[in-house]
């Protein structure tokens, strides 16, 4: 039996949804990523302009895993830690089209 967890890593203290100080949530594009591990699903919402390392570190800390011993894959390919979801999916689409 699988279990599901939903987490939101988008609150960075940057003003959230108010108009004073930070960028509004409407201006920030977000993605929801699904991580499957040991018959457990975790949905994590993050800003699409944040590097994937932030998500990977967050998930490993949550599960008490060593980041150096975990591999994150998308369609069988390694997810680059230094890329954002926007960059990674754009590169993936370009490779798919060629």
C-alpha atoms as a PDB file:
ATOM      1  CA  UNK A   1       0.000   0.000   0.000  1.00  0.00           C
ATOM      2  CA  UNK A   2       1.444   3.355  -0.984  1.00  0.00           C
ATOM      3  CA  UNK A   3       1.186   6.535   1.017  1.00  0.00           C
ATOM      4  CA  UNK A   4       1.162  10.098  -0.259  1.00  0.00           C
ATOM      5  CA  UNK A   5       2.712  13.245   1.205  1.00  0.00           C
ATOM      6  CA  UNK A   6       2.229  16.800  -0.098  1.00  0.00           C
ATOM      7  CA  UNK A   7       4.769  19.508   0.717  1.00  0.00           C
ATOM      8  CA  UNK A   8       5.216  23.128  -0.337  1.00  0.00           C
ATOM      9  CA  UNK A   9       8.749  24.558  -0.469  1.00  0.00           C
ATOM     10  CA  UNK A  10       7.708  27.825  -2.116  1.00  0.00           C
ATOM     11  CA  UNK A  11       7.482  29.942   1.038  1.00  0.00           C
ATOM     12  CA  UNK A  12      10.876  31.614   1.131  1.00  0.00           C
ATOM     13  CA  UNK A  13       9.909  34.679   3.149  1.00  0.00           C
ATOM     14  CA  UNK A  14       9.891  36.781  -0.009  1.00  0.00           C
ATOM     15  CA  UNK A  15       6.601  38.464   0.671  1.00  0.00           C
ATOM     16  CA  UNK A  16       4.283  35.594  -0.299  1.00  0.00           C
ATOM     17  CA  UNK A  17       1.084  36.941  -1.746  1.00  0.00           C
ATOM     18  CA  UNK A  18       1.093  40.462  -0.388  1.00  0.00           C
ATOM     19  CA  UNK A  19       2.119  43.419  -2.493  1.00  0.00           C
ATOM     20  CA  UNK A  20       4.524  44.983  -0.005  1.00  0.00           C
ATOM     21  CA  UNK A  21       8.148  43.969  -0.366  1.00  0.00           C
ATOM     22  CA  UNK A  22       8.280  40.713  -2.290  1.00  0.00           C
ATOM     23  CA  UNK A  23       7.141  39.156  -5.514  1.00  0.00           C
ATOM     24  CA  UNK A  24       3.534  37.999  -5.571  1.00  0.00           C
ATOM     25  CA  UNK A  25       2.699  34.322  -5.992  1.00  0.00           C
ATOM     26  CA  UNK A  26       0.963  35.183  -9.258  1.00  0.00           C
ATOM     27  CA  UNK A  27       4.290  36.349 -10.700  1.00  0.00           C
ATOM     28  CA  UNK A  28       6.097  33.153  -9.651  1.00  0.00           C
ATOM     29  CA  UNK A  29       5.623  30.069 -11.818  1.00  0.00           C
ATOM     30  CA  UNK A  30       5.506  26.912  -9.708  1.00  0.00           C
ATOM     31  CA  UNK A  31       5.808  23.234 -10.502  1.00  0.00           C
ATOM     32  CA  UNK A  32       4.684  20.198  -8.576  1.00  0.00           C
ATOM     33  CA  UNK A  33       7.133  17.311  -8.658  1.00  0.00           C
ATOM     34  CA  UNK A  34       6.304  13.733  -7.711  1.00  0.00           C
ATOM     35  CA  UNK A  35       8.977  11.655  -5.988  1.00  0.00           C
ATOM     36  CA  UNK A  36       8.412   7.907  -5.675  1.00  0.00           C
ATOM     37  CA  UNK A  37      10.560   5.958  -3.226  1.00  0.00           C
ATOM     38  CA  UNK A  38       9.862   2.699  -1.352  1.00  0.00           C
ATOM     39  CA  UNK A  39       6.161   2.576  -2.263  1.00  0.00           C
ATOM     40  CA  UNK A  40       5.675   6.146  -0.998  1.00  0.00           C
ATOM     41  CA  UNK A  41       4.725   9.153  -3.113  1.00  0.00           C
ATOM     42  CA  UNK A  42       5.728  12.680  -2.156  1.00  0.00           C
ATOM     43  CA  UNK A  43       4.422  15.690  -4.060  1.00  0.00           C
ATOM     44  CA  UNK A  44       6.596  18.767  -3.614  1.00  0.00           C
ATOM     45  CA  UNK A  45       5.640  22.200  -4.920  1.00  0.00           C
ATOM     46  CA  UNK A  46       8.536  24.495  -5.742  1.00  0.00           C
ATOM     47  CA  UNK A  47       9.235  27.632  -7.737  1.00  0.00           C
ATOM     48  CA  UNK A  48      10.305  26.714 -11.244  1.00  0.00           C
ATOM     49  CA  UNK A  49      13.264  29.102 -11.162  1.00  0.00           C
ATOM     50  CA  UNK A  50      14.934  27.395  -8.149  1.00  0.00           C
ATOM     51  CA  UNK A  51      17.753  24.904  -8.690  1.00  0.00           C
ATOM     52  CA  UNK A  52      16.762  21.266  -8.277  1.00  0.00           C
ATOM     53  CA  UNK A  53      19.460  20.834  -5.613  1.00  0.00           C
ATOM     54  CA  UNK A  54      17.171  22.705  -3.207  1.00  0.00           C
ATOM     55  CA  UNK A  55      14.406  20.140  -3.758  1.00  0.00           C
ATOM     56  CA  UNK A  56      16.824  17.203  -3.546  1.00  0.00           C
ATOM     57  CA  UNK A  57      18.361  18.471  -0.298  1.00  0.00           C
ATOM     58  CA  UNK A  58      14.918  19.142   1.186  1.00  0.00           C
ATOM     59  CA  UNK A  59      13.686  15.649   0.309  1.00  0.00           C
ATOM     60  CA  UNK A  60      16.814  13.904   1.626  1.00  0.00           C
ATOM     61  CA  UNK A  61      16.633  15.823   4.912  1.00  0.00           C
ATOM     62  CA  UNK A  62      12.940  14.938   5.206  1.00  0.00           C
ATOM     63  CA  UNK A  63      13.674  11.223   4.716  1.00  0.00           C
ATOM     64  CA  UNK A  64      17.006  11.195   6.631  1.00  0.00           C
ATOM     65  CA  UNK A  65      18.919  10.172   3.489  1.00  0.00           C
ATOM     66  CA  UNK A  66      22.441  11.113   2.434  1.00  0.00           C
ATOM     67  CA  UNK A  67      22.179  13.223  -0.727  1.00  0.00           C
ATOM     68  CA  UNK A  68      25.419  11.717  -2.059  1.00  0.00           C
ATOM     69  CA  UNK A  69      23.837   8.241  -1.980  1.00  0.00           C
ATOM     70  CA  UNK A  70      20.581   9.161  -3.759  1.00  0.00           C
ATOM     71  CA  UNK A  71      19.991   9.450  -7.508  1.00  0.00           C
ATOM     72  CA  UNK A  72      17.071  11.484  -8.846  1.00  0.00           C
ATOM     73  CA  UNK A  73      15.829  10.410 -12.277  1.00  0.00           C
ATOM     74  CA  UNK A  74      13.384  11.757 -14.837  1.00  0.00           C
ATOM     75  CA  UNK A  75      12.420   9.334 -17.619  1.00  0.00           C
ATOM     76  CA  UNK A  76      15.500   7.280 -16.765  1.00  0.00           C
ATOM     77  CA  UNK A  77      17.884  10.242 -17.008  1.00  0.00           C
ATOM     78  CA  UNK A  78      19.736  11.845 -14.113  1.00  0.00           C
ATOM     79  CA  UNK A  79      18.284  15.156 -12.973  1.00  0.00           C
ATOM     80  CA  UNK A  80      21.030  17.796 -12.940  1.00  0.00           C
ATOM     81  CA  UNK A  81      21.384  19.373  -9.492  1.00  0.00           C
ATOM     82  CA  UNK A  82      22.498  22.759 -10.811  1.00  0.00           C
ATOM     83  CA  UNK A  83      19.521  23.280 -13.163  1.00  0.00           C
ATOM     84  CA  UNK A  84      16.084  24.698 -12.513  1.00  0.00           C
ATOM     85  CA  UNK A  85      12.927  22.853 -13.594  1.00  0.00           C
ATOM     86  CA  UNK A  86      12.462  25.512 -16.291  1.00  0.00           C
ATOM     87  CA  UNK A  87      15.967  24.932 -17.683  1.00  0.00           C
ATOM     88  CA  UNK A  88      15.831  21.152 -17.412  1.00  0.00           C
ATOM     89  CA  UNK A  89      12.464  20.754 -19.126  1.00  0.00           C
ATOM     90  CA  UNK A  90      13.431  23.222 -21.866  1.00  0.00           C
ATOM     91  CA  UNK A  91      16.620  21.240 -22.547  1.00  0.00           C
ATOM     92  CA  UNK A  92      14.638  17.983 -22.450  1.00  0.00           C
ATOM     93  CA  UNK A  93      12.147  19.321 -24.986  1.00  0.00           C
ATOM     94  CA  UNK A  94      14.946  20.500 -27.287  1.00  0.00           C
ATOM     95  CA  UNK A  95      16.605  17.067 -27.133  1.00  0.00           C
ATOM     96  CA  UNK A  96      13.241  15.411 -27.782  1.00  0.00           C
ATOM     97  CA  UNK A  97      12.606  17.571 -30.853  1.00  0.00           C
ATOM     98  CA  UNK A  98      16.040  16.876 -32.411  1.00  0.00           C
END
